[in-house]
Amino acid sequence: MTKLELALERAAKLPEGMQEQLGDDLLHYIDKYLTLRDLLDEGLRELDAGDVVDGETLLADIKARYGA
């Protein structure tokens, strides 16, 4: 059993309201993770293509957009 399966099994025992809040939180976290992954992939493609952006500027932009 994966950790995710175990977490879902335990979450199913929570009251419905808590399950909804947990689901909302998890979906939000997953969306932020996927967005960050896509941004990193895009940045790596730009680096490979030689289209380099200053690292400090890039990190400041990511922090401003996503509160990282």
N, C-alpha and C. Protein backbone atom coordinates (compact mmCIF):
# COMPACT_ATOMS: atom_id res chain seq x y z
N MET A 1 0.85 -1.17 0.00
CA MET A 1 0.00 0.00 0.00
C MET A 1 0.90 1.24 0.00
N THR A 2 0.60 2.17 -0.90
CA THR A 2 1.38 3.41 -0.95
C THR A 2 0.96 4.34 0.19
N LYS A 3 1.78 5.33 0.43
CA LYS A 3 1.44 6.30 1.47
C LYS A 3 0.17 7.07 1.11
N LEU A 4 -0.01 7.34 -0.17
CA LEU A 4 -1.22 8.04 -0.60
C LEU A 4 -2.46 7.18 -0.34
N GLU A 5 -2.37 5.90 -0.64
CA GLU A 5 -3.50 4.99 -0.38
C GLU A 5 -3.81 4.93 1.12
N LEU A 6 -2.78 4.88 1.93
CA LEU A 6 -2.96 4.85 3.38
C LEU A 6 -3.61 6.15 3.86
N ALA A 7 -3.14 7.28 3.33
CA ALA A 7 -3.72 8.57 3.72
C ALA A 7 -5.19 8.66 3.32
N LEU A 8 -5.52 8.17 2.12
CA LEU A 8 -6.91 8.20 1.66
C LEU A 8 -7.79 7.29 2.52
N GLU A 9 -7.25 6.16 2.91
CA GLU A 9 -7.99 5.24 3.77
C GLU A 9 -8.30 5.89 5.12
N ARG A 10 -7.31 6.57 5.67
CA ARG A 10 -7.52 7.24 6.96
C ARG A 10 -8.45 8.44 6.81
N ALA A 11 -8.31 9.17 5.72
CA ALA A 11 -9.15 10.34 5.48
C ALA A 11 -10.61 9.94 5.34
N ALA A 12 -10.87 8.75 4.82
CA ALA A 12 -12.26 8.28 4.64
C ALA A 12 -12.96 8.10 5.98
N LYS A 13 -12.20 8.01 7.06
CA LYS A 13 -12.78 7.82 8.39
C LYS A 13 -13.11 9.16 9.07
N LEU A 14 -12.69 10.27 8.45
CA LEU A 14 -12.95 11.59 9.01
C LEU A 14 -14.38 12.03 8.70
N PRO A 15 -14.90 12.99 9.47
CA PRO A 15 -16.22 13.54 9.15
C PRO A 15 -16.20 14.18 7.75
N GLU A 16 -17.36 14.22 7.12
CA GLU A 16 -17.45 14.69 5.74
C GLU A 16 -16.89 16.10 5.55
N GLY A 17 -17.17 17.01 6.46
CA GLY A 17 -16.65 18.38 6.34
C GLY A 17 -15.14 18.42 6.34
N MET A 18 -14.55 17.61 7.19
CA MET A 18 -13.08 17.55 7.24
C MET A 18 -12.53 16.93 5.97
N GLN A 19 -13.23 15.93 5.43
CA GLN A 19 -12.80 15.32 4.18
C GLN A 19 -12.80 16.35 3.05
N GLU A 20 -13.84 17.17 3.00
CA GLU A 20 -13.93 18.20 1.96
C GLU A 20 -12.78 19.19 2.08
N GLN A 21 -12.50 19.65 3.30
CA GLN A 21 -11.42 20.61 3.51
C GLN A 21 -10.08 19.98 3.15
N LEU A 22 -9.87 18.75 3.56
CA LEU A 22 -8.63 18.05 3.23
C LEU A 22 -8.49 17.90 1.72
N GLY A 23 -9.59 17.56 1.05
CA GLY A 23 -9.57 17.42 -0.40
C GLY A 23 -9.22 18.74 -1.08
N ASP A 24 -9.83 19.84 -0.61
CA ASP A 24 -9.52 21.16 -1.17
C ASP A 24 -8.05 21.49 -0.98
N ASP A 25 -7.54 21.25 0.22
CA ASP A 25 -6.14 21.55 0.51
C ASP A 25 -5.21 20.72 -0.37
N LEU A 26 -5.52 19.45 -0.52
CA LEU A 26 -4.68 18.57 -1.33
C LEU A 26 -4.69 18.98 -2.80
N LEU A 27 -5.86 19.30 -3.32
CA LEU A 27 -5.95 19.73 -4.72
C LEU A 27 -5.18 21.02 -4.94
N HIS A 28 -5.26 21.95 -4.00
CA HIS A 28 -4.52 23.20 -4.11
C HIS A 28 -3.01 22.92 -4.12
N TYR A 29 -2.56 22.07 -3.22
CA TYR A 29 -1.14 21.73 -3.15
C TYR A 29 -0.68 21.07 -4.46
N ILE A 30 -1.47 20.15 -4.97
CA ILE A 30 -1.11 19.46 -6.21
C ILE A 30 -1.03 20.44 -7.37
N ASP A 31 -2.00 21.36 -7.46
CA ASP A 31 -1.98 22.35 -8.53
C ASP A 31 -0.73 23.23 -8.46
N LYS A 32 -0.36 23.67 -7.25
CA LYS A 32 0.85 24.48 -7.09
C LYS A 32 2.09 23.68 -7.47
N TYR A 33 2.14 22.42 -7.07
CA TYR A 33 3.27 21.55 -7.39
C TYR A 33 3.41 21.40 -8.91
N LEU A 34 2.29 21.11 -9.58
CA LEU A 34 2.34 20.91 -11.03
C LEU A 34 2.74 22.19 -11.76
N THR A 35 2.26 23.33 -11.29
CA THR A 35 2.64 24.61 -11.90
C THR A 35 4.12 24.85 -11.72
N LEU A 36 4.63 24.63 -10.53
CA LEU A 36 6.06 24.81 -10.29
C LEU A 36 6.89 23.87 -11.15
N ARG A 37 6.46 22.63 -11.26
CA ARG A 37 7.18 21.66 -12.09
C ARG A 37 7.22 22.13 -13.54
N ASP A 38 6.08 22.63 -14.04
CA ASP A 38 6.03 23.12 -15.41
C ASP A 38 6.95 24.32 -15.61
N LEU A 39 6.99 25.24 -14.62
CA LEU A 39 7.87 26.39 -14.71
C LEU A 39 9.34 25.97 -14.71
N LEU A 40 9.67 25.00 -13.90
CA LEU A 40 11.06 24.50 -13.88
C LEU A 40 11.42 23.85 -15.20
N ASP A 41 10.51 23.06 -15.76
CA ASP A 41 10.76 22.44 -17.06
C ASP A 41 10.96 23.50 -18.13
N GLU A 42 10.13 24.55 -18.09
CA GLU A 42 10.25 25.64 -19.06
C GLU A 42 11.60 26.34 -18.89
N GLY A 43 11.99 26.58 -17.66
CA GLY A 43 13.29 27.21 -17.40
C GLY A 43 14.45 26.38 -17.90
N LEU A 44 14.36 25.07 -17.71
CA LEU A 44 15.43 24.19 -18.20
C LEU A 44 15.51 24.20 -19.72
N ARG A 45 14.34 24.22 -20.37
CA ARG A 45 14.33 24.30 -21.84
C ARG A 45 14.97 25.61 -22.31
N GLU A 46 14.66 26.71 -21.62
CA GLU A 46 15.26 28.00 -21.97
C GLU A 46 16.77 27.98 -21.77
N LEU A 47 17.22 27.37 -20.68
CA LEU A 47 18.66 27.26 -20.45
C LEU A 47 19.32 26.45 -21.55
N ASP A 48 18.70 25.34 -21.91
CA ASP A 48 19.25 24.50 -22.97
C ASP A 48 19.32 25.25 -24.30
N ALA A 49 18.35 26.14 -24.53
CA ALA A 49 18.30 26.90 -25.78
C ALA A 49 19.22 28.12 -25.73
N GLY A 50 19.81 28.40 -24.56
CA GLY A 50 20.70 29.54 -24.42
C GLY A 50 19.97 30.84 -24.13
N ASP A 51 18.67 30.76 -23.89
CA ASP A 51 17.87 31.94 -23.57
C ASP A 51 17.85 32.10 -22.05
N VAL A 52 18.94 32.61 -21.49
CA VAL A 52 19.15 32.62 -20.04
C VAL A 52 18.60 33.92 -19.43
N VAL A 53 17.89 33.75 -18.32
CA VAL A 53 17.39 34.88 -17.54
C VAL A 53 18.18 34.90 -16.23
N ASP A 54 18.48 36.09 -15.74
CA ASP A 54 19.20 36.22 -14.47
C ASP A 54 18.48 35.43 -13.39
N GLY A 55 19.21 34.62 -12.64
CA GLY A 55 18.63 33.75 -11.61
C GLY A 55 17.89 34.51 -10.53
N GLU A 56 18.43 35.63 -10.08
CA GLU A 56 17.77 36.42 -9.04
C GLU A 56 16.44 36.97 -9.53
N THR A 57 16.41 37.40 -10.77
CA THR A 57 15.17 37.92 -11.36
C THR A 57 14.14 36.81 -11.47
N LEU A 58 14.56 35.64 -11.90
CA LEU A 58 13.66 34.50 -12.04
C LEU A 58 13.07 34.10 -10.68
N LEU A 59 13.91 33.98 -9.66
CA LEU A 59 13.42 33.60 -8.34
C LEU A 59 12.48 34.65 -7.75
N ALA A 60 12.79 35.92 -7.96
CA ALA A 60 11.92 36.99 -7.47
C ALA A 60 10.56 36.91 -8.16
N ASP A 61 10.55 36.60 -9.45
CA ASP A 61 9.29 36.47 -10.19
C ASP A 61 8.47 35.30 -9.67
N ILE A 62 9.11 34.18 -9.42
CA ILE A 62 8.40 32.99 -8.91
C ILE A 62 7.85 33.29 -7.52
N LYS A 63 8.63 33.92 -6.67
CA LYS A 63 8.16 34.25 -5.32
C LYS A 63 6.97 35.20 -5.38
N ALA A 64 7.04 36.18 -6.27
CA ALA A 64 5.95 37.14 -6.39
C ALA A 64 4.67 36.49 -6.88
N ARG A 65 4.80 35.58 -7.84
CA ARG A 65 3.61 34.94 -8.42
C ARG A 65 3.01 33.87 -7.54
N TYR A 66 3.84 33.10 -6.85
CA TYR A 66 3.35 31.92 -6.15
C TYR A 66 3.61 31.92 -4.66
N GLY A 67 4.12 32.99 -4.14
CA GLY A 67 4.33 33.07 -2.71
C GLY A 67 5.29 32.02 -2.18
N ALA A 68 6.23 31.62 -3.04
CA ALA A 68 7.18 30.57 -2.65
C ALA A 68 8.25 31.12 -1.74
